[in-house]
Amino acid sequence: MPLKKPTTLRILCFGDSLTQGFHSFGLGEHPYSGRLAQRLREALPEGIKLEMRTSGVPGDVAAFPSFRERFTRQITLMPFDWVITLGGTK
């Protein structure tokens, strides 16, 4: 029996304020995932849906236990095909 081709591509963009899209000292928000989703939808074959989830927390740092705990929670909520991680280092 042939394998069923996936019909949905699920992507998690995970990280800190850069992932959330904070700008203008927190007065605005424009996550990169929106533009990425637009470009991917243009490039994906017909019939493939895209589900993009953005999980960014300002001030979160990759070295903090909370970063790893939040990451673990996110990836157990839903199976993702791709995960893009941009974690703060300072």
PDB file of N, CA and C in Angstrom:
ATOM      1  N   MET A   1       0.845  -1.170   0.000  1.00  0.00           N
ATOM      2  CA  MET A   1       0.000   0.000   0.000  1.00  0.00           C
ATOM      3  C   MET A   1       0.899   1.244   0.000  1.00  0.00           C
ATOM      4  N   PRO A   2       0.665   2.200  -0.905  1.00  0.00           N
ATOM      5  CA  PRO A   2       1.486   3.411  -0.927  1.00  0.00           C
ATOM      6  C   PRO A   2       1.200   4.291   0.288  1.00  0.00           C
ATOM      7  N   LEU A   3       2.229   5.013   0.696  1.00  0.00           N
ATOM      8  CA  LEU A   3       2.057   5.943   1.816  1.00  0.00           C
ATOM      9  C   LEU A   3       1.198   7.118   1.381  1.00  0.00           C
ATOM     10  N   LYS A   4       0.369   7.584   2.291  1.00  0.00           N
ATOM     11  CA  LYS A   4      -0.473   8.745   2.028  1.00  0.00           C
ATOM     12  C   LYS A   4       0.378  10.007   2.109  1.00  0.00           C
ATOM     13  N   LYS A   5       0.271  10.849   1.100  1.00  0.00           N
ATOM     14  CA  LYS A   5       1.021  12.103   1.109  1.00  0.00           C
ATOM     15  C   LYS A   5       0.390  13.063   2.116  1.00  0.00           C
ATOM     16  N   PRO A   6       1.218  13.797   2.846  1.00  0.00           N
ATOM     17  CA  PRO A   6       0.665  14.754   3.810  1.00  0.00           C
ATOM     18  C   PRO A   6      -0.083  15.874   3.091  1.00  0.00           C
ATOM     19  N   THR A   7      -1.161  16.319   3.687  1.00  0.00           N
ATOM     20  CA  THR A   7      -1.928  17.410   3.100  1.00  0.00           C
ATOM     21  C   THR A   7      -1.777  18.699   3.889  1.00  0.00           C
ATOM     22  N   THR A   8      -1.132  18.618   5.041  1.00  0.00           N
ATOM     23  CA  THR A   8      -0.929  19.797   5.882  1.00  0.00           C
ATOM     24  C   THR A   8       0.517  19.841   6.353  1.00  0.00           C
ATOM     25  N   LEU A   9       1.135  20.992   6.201  1.00  0.00           N
ATOM     26  CA  LEU A   9       2.486  21.229   6.705  1.00  0.00           C
ATOM     27  C   LEU A   9       2.346  22.094   7.952  1.00  0.00           C
ATOM     28  N   ARG A  10       2.808  21.587   9.089  1.00  0.00           N
ATOM     29  CA  ARG A  10       2.696  22.317  10.358  1.00  0.00           C
ATOM     30  C   ARG A  10       4.073  22.818  10.781  1.00  0.00           C
ATOM     31  N   ILE A  11       4.150  24.124  11.013  1.00  0.00           N
ATOM     32  CA  ILE A  11       5.420  24.750  11.379  1.00  0.00           C
ATOM     33  C   ILE A  11       5.240  25.539  12.672  1.00  0.00           C
ATOM     34  N   LEU A  12       6.192  25.374  13.574  1.00  0.00           N
ATOM     35  CA  LEU A  12       6.238  26.154  14.810  1.00  0.00           C
ATOM     36  C   LEU A  12       7.420  27.110  14.733  1.00  0.00           C
ATOM     37  N   CYS A  13       7.158  28.399  14.906  1.00  0.00           N
ATOM     38  CA  CYS A  13       8.209  29.408  15.055  1.00  0.00           C
ATOM     39  C   CYS A  13       8.281  29.711  16.546  1.00  0.00           C
ATOM     40  N   PHE A  14       9.392  29.378  17.157  1.00  0.00           N
ATOM     41  CA  PHE A  14       9.517  29.412  18.611  1.00  0.00           C
ATOM     42  C   PHE A  14      10.703  30.274  19.010  1.00  0.00           C
ATOM     43  N   GLY A  15      10.523  31.111  20.032  1.00  0.00           N
ATOM     44  CA  GLY A  15      11.657  31.893  20.498  1.00  0.00           C
ATOM     45  C   GLY A  15      11.289  33.029  21.430  1.00  0.00           C
ATOM     46  N   ASP A  16      12.007  34.135  21.245  1.00  0.00           N
ATOM     47  CA  ASP A  16      11.884  35.282  22.141  1.00  0.00           C
ATOM     48  C   ASP A  16      11.123  36.418  21.456  1.00  0.00           C
ATOM     49  N   SER A  17      11.432  37.660  21.838  1.00  0.00           N
ATOM     50  CA  SER A  17      10.722  38.817  21.291  1.00  0.00           C
ATOM     51  C   SER A  17      10.926  38.971  19.788  1.00  0.00           C
ATOM     52  N   LEU A  18      12.060  38.537  19.261  1.00  0.00           N
ATOM     53  CA  LEU A  18      12.277  38.610  17.816  1.00  0.00           C
ATOM     54  C   LEU A  18      11.294  37.701  17.083  1.00  0.00           C
ATOM     55  N   THR A  19      11.028  36.551  17.652  1.00  0.00           N
ATOM     56  CA  THR A  19      10.048  35.637  17.060  1.00  0.00           C
ATOM     57  C   THR A  19       8.649  36.225  17.163  1.00  0.00           C
ATOM     58  N   GLN A  20       8.346  36.850  18.291  1.00  0.00           N
ATOM     59  CA  GLN A  20       7.029  37.463  18.468  1.00  0.00           C
ATOM     60  C   GLN A  20       6.870  38.693  17.578  1.00  0.00           C
ATOM     61  N   GLY A  21       7.977  39.278  17.175  1.00  0.00           N
ATOM     62  CA  GLY A  21       7.919  40.407  16.260  1.00  0.00           C
ATOM     63  C   GLY A  21       7.859  41.766  16.926  1.00  0.00           C
ATOM     64  N   PHE A  22       8.282  41.848  18.183  1.00  0.00           N
ATOM     65  CA  PHE A  22       8.270  43.130  18.885  1.00  0.00           C
ATOM     66  C   PHE A  22       9.145  44.147  18.158  1.00  0.00           C
ATOM     67  N   HIS A  23       8.630  45.355  18.050  1.00  0.00           N
ATOM     68  CA  HIS A  23       9.422  46.472  17.524  1.00  0.00           C
ATOM     69  C   HIS A  23       8.896  47.763  18.142  1.00  0.00           C
ATOM     70  N   SER A  24       9.574  48.838  17.898  1.00  0.00           N
ATOM     71  CA  SER A  24       9.186  50.147  18.435  1.00  0.00           C
ATOM     72  C   SER A  24       9.023  50.098  19.953  1.00  0.00           C
ATOM     73  N   PHE A  25      10.018  49.496  20.609  1.00  0.00           N
ATOM     74  CA  PHE A  25      10.034  49.389  22.071  1.00  0.00           C
ATOM     75  C   PHE A  25       8.797  48.675  22.613  1.00  0.00           C
ATOM     76  N   GLY A  26       8.314  47.693  21.869  1.00  0.00           N
ATOM     77  CA  GLY A  26       7.167  46.914  22.310  1.00  0.00           C
ATOM     78  C   GLY A  26       5.819  47.500  21.939  1.00  0.00           C
ATOM     79  N   LEU A  27       5.814  48.639  21.247  1.00  0.00           N
ATOM     80  CA  LEU A  27       4.541  49.257  20.865  1.00  0.00           C
ATOM     81  C   LEU A  27       3.927  48.589  19.639  1.00  0.00           C
ATOM     82  N   GLY A  28       4.746  47.872  18.893  1.00  0.00           N
ATOM     83  CA  GLY A  28       4.251  47.190  17.699  1.00  0.00           C
ATOM     84  C   GLY A  28       4.657  45.732  17.703  1.00  0.00           C
ATOM     85  N   GLU A  29       3.984  44.969  16.867  1.00  0.00           N
ATOM     86  CA  GLU A  29       4.277  43.547  16.781  1.00  0.00           C
ATOM     87  C   GLU A  29       4.097  43.099  15.331  1.00  0.00           C
ATOM     88  N   HIS A  30       5.136  42.502  14.772  1.00  0.00           N
ATOM     89  CA  HIS A  30       5.079  42.015  13.397  1.00  0.00           C
ATOM     90  C   HIS A  30       5.979  40.781  13.293  1.00  0.00           C
ATOM     91  N   PRO A  31       5.461  39.605  13.644  1.00  0.00           N
ATOM     92  CA  PRO A  31       6.292  38.401  13.628  1.00  0.00           C
ATOM     93  C   PRO A  31       6.708  38.008  12.213  1.00  0.00           C
ATOM     94  N   TYR A  32       7.916  37.491  12.085  1.00  0.00           N
ATOM     95  CA  TYR A  32       8.414  37.052  10.780  1.00  0.00           C
ATOM     96  C   TYR A  32       7.605  35.890  10.223  1.00  0.00           C
ATOM     97  N   SER A  33       6.909  35.176  11.096  1.00  0.00           N
ATOM     98  CA  SER A  33       6.150  34.003  10.655  1.00  0.00           C
ATOM     99  C   SER A  33       5.037  34.363   9.666  1.00  0.00           C
ATOM    100  N   GLY A  34       4.511  35.565   9.752  1.00  0.00           N
ATOM    101  CA  GLY A  34       3.465  35.983   8.817  1.00  0.00           C
ATOM    102  C   GLY A  34       3.975  36.041   7.390  1.00  0.00           C
ATOM    103  N   ARG A  35       5.115  36.679   7.204  1.00  0.00           N
ATOM    104  CA  ARG A  35       5.708  36.774   5.862  1.00  0.00           C
ATOM    105  C   ARG A  35       6.190  35.405   5.390  1.00  0.00           C
ATOM    106  N   LEU A  36       6.761  34.631   6.295  1.00  0.00           N
ATOM    107  CA  LEU A  36       7.211  33.290   5.948  1.00  0.00           C
ATOM    108  C   LEU A  36       6.034  32.437   5.474  1.00  0.00           C
ATOM    109  N   ALA A  37       4.921  32.505   6.181  1.00  0.00           N
ATOM    110  CA  ALA A  37       3.732  31.740   5.792  1.00  0.00           C
ATOM    111  C   ALA A  37       3.247  32.159   4.408  1.00  0.00           C
ATOM    112  N   GLN A  38       3.249  33.456   4.151  1.00  0.00           N
ATOM    113  CA  GLN A  38       2.824  33.958   2.839  1.00  0.00           C
ATOM    114  C   GLN A  38       3.710  33.389   1.731  1.00  0.00           C
ATOM    115  N   ARG A  39       5.017  33.443   1.933  1.00  0.00           N
ATOM    116  CA  ARG A  39       5.951  32.946   0.912  1.00  0.00           C
ATOM    117  C   ARG A  39       5.820  31.438   0.717  1.00  0.00           C
ATOM    118  N   LEU A  40       5.654  30.709   1.811  1.00  0.00           N
ATOM    119  CA  LEU A  40       5.512  29.258   1.698  1.00  0.00           C
ATOM    120  C   LEU A  40       4.219  28.874   0.982  1.00  0.00           C
ATOM    121  N   ARG A  41       3.128  29.567   1.289  1.00  0.00           N
ATOM    122  CA  ARG A  41       1.862  29.266   0.604  1.00  0.00           C
ATOM    123  C   ARG A  41       1.984  29.488  -0.898  1.00  0.00           C
ATOM    124  N   GLU A  42       2.742  30.487  -1.292  1.00  0.00           N
ATOM    125  CA  GLU A  42       2.967  30.742  -2.717  1.00  0.00           C
ATOM    126  C   GLU A  42       3.773  29.621  -3.364  1.00  0.00           C
ATOM    127  N   ALA A  43       4.658  28.985  -2.596  1.00  0.00           N
ATOM    128  CA  ALA A  43       5.570  27.985  -3.147  1.00  0.00           C
ATOM    129  C   ALA A  43       5.080  26.541  -3.007  1.00  0.00           C
ATOM    130  N   LEU A  44       4.194  26.289  -2.061  1.00  0.00           N
ATOM    131  CA  LEU A  44       3.737  24.915  -1.824  1.00  0.00           C
ATOM    132  C   LEU A  44       2.865  24.420  -2.975  1.00  0.00           C
ATOM    133  N   PRO A  45       2.939  23.129  -3.257  1.00  0.00           N
ATOM    134  CA  PRO A  45       2.070  22.569  -4.295  1.00  0.00           C
ATOM    135  C   PRO A  45       0.597  22.719  -3.919  1.00  0.00           C
ATOM    136  N   GLU A  46      -0.243  22.748  -4.927  1.00  0.00           N
ATOM    137  CA  GLU A  46      -1.681  22.853  -4.702  1.00  0.00           C
ATOM    138  C   GLU A  46      -2.157  21.665  -3.867  1.00  0.00           C
ATOM    139  N   GLY A  47      -3.047  21.931  -2.942  1.00  0.00           N
ATOM    140  CA  GLY A  47      -3.584  20.875  -2.096  1.00  0.00           C
ATOM    141  C   GLY A  47      -2.873  20.722  -0.762  1.00  0.00           C
ATOM    142  N   ILE A  48      -1.746  21.417  -0.582  1.00  0.00           N
ATOM    143  CA  ILE A  48      -1.023  21.362   0.691  1.00  0.00           C
ATOM    144  C   ILE A  48      -1.418  22.587   1.514  1.00  0.00           C
ATOM    145  N   LYS A  49      -1.982  22.348   2.689  1.00  0.00           N
ATOM    146  CA  LYS A  49      -2.327  23.445   3.595  1.00  0.00           C
ATOM    147  C   LYS A  49      -1.133  23.733   4.499  1.00  0.00           C
ATOM    148  N   LEU A  50      -1.080  24.957   4.976  1.00  0.00           N
ATOM    149  CA  LEU A  50      -0.015  25.365   5.888  1.00  0.00           C
ATOM    150  C   LEU A  50      -0.639  25.827   7.194  1.00  0.00           C
ATOM    151  N   GLU A  51      -0.135  25.285   8.298  1.00  0.00           N
ATOM    152  CA  GLU A  51      -0.515  25.750   9.634  1.00  0.00           C
ATOM    153  C   GLU A  51       0.751  26.267  10.302  1.00  0.00           C
ATOM    154  N   MET A  52       0.750  27.553  10.616  1.00  0.00           N
ATOM    155  CA  MET A  52       1.911  28.201  11.212  1.00  0.00           C
ATOM    156  C   MET A  52       1.539  28.664  12.609  1.00  0.00           C
ATOM    157  N   ARG A  53       2.320  28.264  13.591  1.00  0.00           N
ATOM    158  CA  ARG A  53       2.100  28.703  14.971  1.00  0.00           C
ATOM    159  C   ARG A  53       3.315  29.522  15.405  1.00  0.00           C
ATOM    160  N   THR A  54       3.057  30.657  16.039  1.00  0.00           N
ATOM    161  CA  THR A  54       4.123  31.514  16.536  1.00  0.00           C
ATOM    162  C   THR A  54       4.073  31.522  18.055  1.00  0.00           C
ATOM    163  N   SER A  55       5.210  31.222  18.671  1.00  0.00           N
ATOM    164  CA  SER A  55       5.300  31.228  20.131  1.00  0.00           C
ATOM    165  C   SER A  55       6.570  31.974  20.520  1.00  0.00           C
ATOM    166  N   GLY A  56       6.432  33.279  20.696  1.00  0.00           N
ATOM    167  CA  GLY A  56       7.562  34.102  21.107  1.00  0.00           C
ATOM    168  C   GLY A  56       7.267  34.784  22.428  1.00  0.00           C
ATOM    169  N   VAL A  57       8.245  34.785  23.327  1.00  0.00           N
ATOM    170  CA  VAL A  57       8.085  35.421  24.637  1.00  0.00           C
ATOM    171  C   VAL A  57       9.235  36.400  24.841  1.00  0.00           C
ATOM    172  N   PRO A  58       8.932  37.694  24.953  1.00  0.00           N
ATOM    173  CA  PRO A  58       9.983  38.682  25.164  1.00  0.00           C
ATOM    174  C   PRO A  58      10.798  38.381  26.418  1.00  0.00           C
ATOM    175  N   GLY A  59      12.096  38.499  26.293  1.00  0.00           N
ATOM    176  CA  GLY A  59      12.990  38.294  27.426  1.00  0.00           C
ATOM    177  C   GLY A  59      13.365  36.851  27.675  1.00  0.00           C
ATOM    178  N   ASP A  60      12.763  35.928  26.948  1.00  0.00           N
ATOM    179  CA  ASP A  60      13.102  34.520  27.144  1.00  0.00           C
ATOM    180  C   ASP A  60      14.495  34.259  26.582  1.00  0.00           C
ATOM    181  N   VAL A  61      15.265  33.462  27.278  1.00  0.00           N
ATOM    182  CA  VAL A  61      16.653  33.170  26.908  1.00  0.00           C
ATOM    183  C   VAL A  61      16.812  31.661  26.801  1.00  0.00           C
ATOM    184  N   ALA A  62      17.496  31.213  25.756  1.00  0.00           N
ATOM    185  CA  ALA A  62      17.641  29.779  25.489  1.00  0.00           C
ATOM    186  C   ALA A  62      18.264  29.020  26.658  1.00  0.00           C
ATOM    187  N   ALA A  63      19.086  29.681  27.450  1.00  0.00           N
ATOM    188  CA  ALA A  63      19.761  29.011  28.565  1.00  0.00           C
ATOM    189  C   ALA A  63      18.857  28.835  29.790  1.00  0.00           C
ATOM    190  N   PHE A  64      17.713  29.512  29.820  1.00  0.00           N
ATOM    191  CA  PHE A  64      16.814  29.414  30.973  1.00  0.00           C
ATOM    192  C   PHE A  64      15.999  28.124  30.913  1.00  0.00           C
ATOM    193  N   PRO A  65      15.774  27.483  32.063  1.00  0.00           N
ATOM    194  CA  PRO A  65      14.919  26.286  32.082  1.00  0.00           C
ATOM    195  C   PRO A  65      13.517  26.566  31.530  1.00  0.00           C
ATOM    196  N   SER A  66      13.004  27.768  31.742  1.00  0.00           N
ATOM    197  CA  SER A  66      11.653  28.096  31.269  1.00  0.00           C
ATOM    198  C   SER A  66      11.550  28.002  29.748  1.00  0.00           C
ATOM    199  N   PHE A  67      12.636  28.326  29.054  1.00  0.00           N
ATOM    200  CA  PHE A  67      12.661  28.241  27.589  1.00  0.00           C
ATOM    201  C   PHE A  67      12.463  26.794  27.155  1.00  0.00           C
ATOM    202  N   ARG A  68      13.220  25.894  27.764  1.00  0.00           N
ATOM    203  CA  ARG A  68      13.121  24.468  27.417  1.00  0.00           C
ATOM    204  C   ARG A  68      11.759  23.892  27.814  1.00  0.00           C
ATOM    205  N   GLU A  69      11.252  24.305  28.963  1.00  0.00           N
ATOM    206  CA  GLU A  69       9.944  23.812  29.413  1.00  0.00           C
ATOM    207  C   GLU A  69       8.835  24.268  28.466  1.00  0.00           C
ATOM    208  N   ARG A  70       8.887  25.527  28.068  1.00  0.00           N
ATOM    209  CA  ARG A  70       7.879  26.058  27.140  1.00  0.00           C
ATOM    210  C   ARG A  70       7.976  25.353  25.789  1.00  0.00           C
ATOM    211  N   PHE A  71       9.206  25.109  25.344  1.00  0.00           N
ATOM    212  CA  PHE A  71       9.417  24.405  24.081  1.00  0.00           C
ATOM    213  C   PHE A  71       8.818  22.995  24.145  1.00  0.00           C
ATOM    214  N   THR A  72       9.087  22.295  25.226  1.00  0.00           N
ATOM    215  CA  THR A  72       8.566  20.937  25.390  1.00  0.00           C
ATOM    216  C   THR A  72       7.041  20.935  25.378  1.00  0.00           C
ATOM    217  N   ARG A  73       6.427  21.905  26.064  1.00  0.00           N
ATOM    218  CA  ARG A  73       4.957  22.001  26.063  1.00  0.00           C
ATOM    219  C   ARG A  73       4.426  22.220  24.645  1.00  0.00           C
ATOM    220  N   GLN A  74       5.071  23.127  23.910  1.00  0.00           N
ATOM    221  CA  GLN A  74       4.598  23.443  22.555  1.00  0.00           C
ATOM    222  C   GLN A  74       4.646  22.236  21.627  1.00  0.00           C
ATOM    223  N   ILE A  75       5.742  21.493  21.669  1.00  0.00           N
ATOM    224  CA  ILE A  75       5.865  20.385  20.719  1.00  0.00           C
ATOM    225  C   ILE A  75       5.041  19.167  21.122  1.00  0.00           C
ATOM    226  N   THR A  76       4.543  19.148  22.362  1.00  0.00           N
ATOM    227  CA  THR A  76       3.660  18.050  22.748  1.00  0.00           C
ATOM    228  C   THR A  76       2.191  18.381  22.479  1.00  0.00           C
ATOM    229  N   LEU A  77       1.875  19.661  22.281  1.00  0.00           N
ATOM    230  CA  LEU A  77       0.495  20.057  21.985  1.00  0.00           C
ATOM    231  C   LEU A  77       0.048  19.582  20.612  1.00  0.00           C
ATOM    232  N   MET A  78       0.975  19.595  19.661  1.00  0.00           N
ATOM    233  CA  MET A  78       0.640  19.287  18.282  1.00  0.00           C
ATOM    234  C   MET A  78       1.893  18.757  17.593  1.00  0.00           C
ATOM    235  N   PRO A  79       1.741  17.784  16.718  1.00  0.00           N
ATOM    236  CA  PRO A  79       2.919  17.333  15.977  1.00  0.00           C
ATOM    237  C   PRO A  79       3.274  18.352  14.892  1.00  0.00           C
ATOM    238  N   PHE A  80       4.504  18.819  14.902  1.00  0.00           N
ATOM    239  CA  PHE A  80       4.973  19.771  13.896  1.00  0.00           C
ATOM    240  C   PHE A  80       5.907  19.062  12.930  1.00  0.00           C
ATOM    241  N   ASP A  81       5.840  19.482  11.676  1.00  0.00           N
ATOM    242  CA  ASP A  81       6.756  18.953  10.667  1.00  0.00           C
ATOM    243  C   ASP A  81       8.094  19.680  10.727  1.00  0.00           C
ATOM    244  N   TRP A  82       8.025  20.977  10.975  1.00  0.00           N
ATOM    245  CA  TRP A  82       9.227  21.806  11.089  1.00  0.00           C
ATOM    246  C   TRP A  82       9.118  22.648  12.352  1.00  0.00           C
ATOM    247  N   VAL A  83      10.269  22.910  12.975  1.00  0.00           N
ATOM    248  CA  VAL A  83      10.343  23.840  14.104  1.00  0.00           C
ATOM    249  C   VAL A  83      11.497  24.788  13.831  1.00  0.00           C
ATOM    250  N   ILE A  84      11.205  26.081  13.866  1.00  0.00           N
ATOM    251  CA  ILE A  84      12.224  27.119  13.702  1.00  0.00           C
ATOM    252  C   ILE A  84      12.413  27.754  15.072  1.00  0.00           C
ATOM    253  N   THR A  85      13.638  27.705  15.587  1.00  0.00           N
ATOM    254  CA  THR A  85      13.907  28.214  16.928  1.00  0.00           C
ATOM    255  C   THR A  85      14.864  29.395  16.850  1.00  0.00           C
ATOM    256  N   LEU A  86      14.488  30.482  17.492  1.00  0.00           N
ATOM    257  CA  LEU A  86      15.331  31.665  17.592  1.00  0.00           C
ATOM    258  C   LEU A  86      15.297  32.079  19.055  1.00  0.00           C
ATOM    259  N   GLY A  87      16.279  31.606  19.818  1.00  0.00           N
ATOM    260  CA  GLY A  87      16.279  31.851  21.252  1.00  0.00           C
ATOM    261  C   GLY A  87      17.257  32.930  21.654  1.00  0.00           C
ATOM    262  N   GLY A  88      16.840  33.776  22.556  1.00  0.00           N
ATOM    263  CA  GLY A  88      17.704  34.823  23.059  1.00  0.00           C
ATOM    264  C   GLY A  88      18.926  34.261  23.767  1.00  0.00           C
ATOM    265  N   THR A  89      19.995  35.019  23.714  1.00  0.00           N
ATOM    266  CA  THR A  89      21.245  34.572  24.320  1.00  0.00           C
ATOM    267  C   THR A  89      21.763  35.541  25.364  1.00  0.00           C
ATOM    268  N   LYS A  90      21.097  36.654  25.569  1.00  0.00           N
ATOM    269  CA  LYS A  90      21.610  37.634  26.531  1.00  0.00           C
ATOM    270  C   LYS A  90      20.672  37.833  27.687  1.00  0.00           C
TER     271      LYS A  90
END
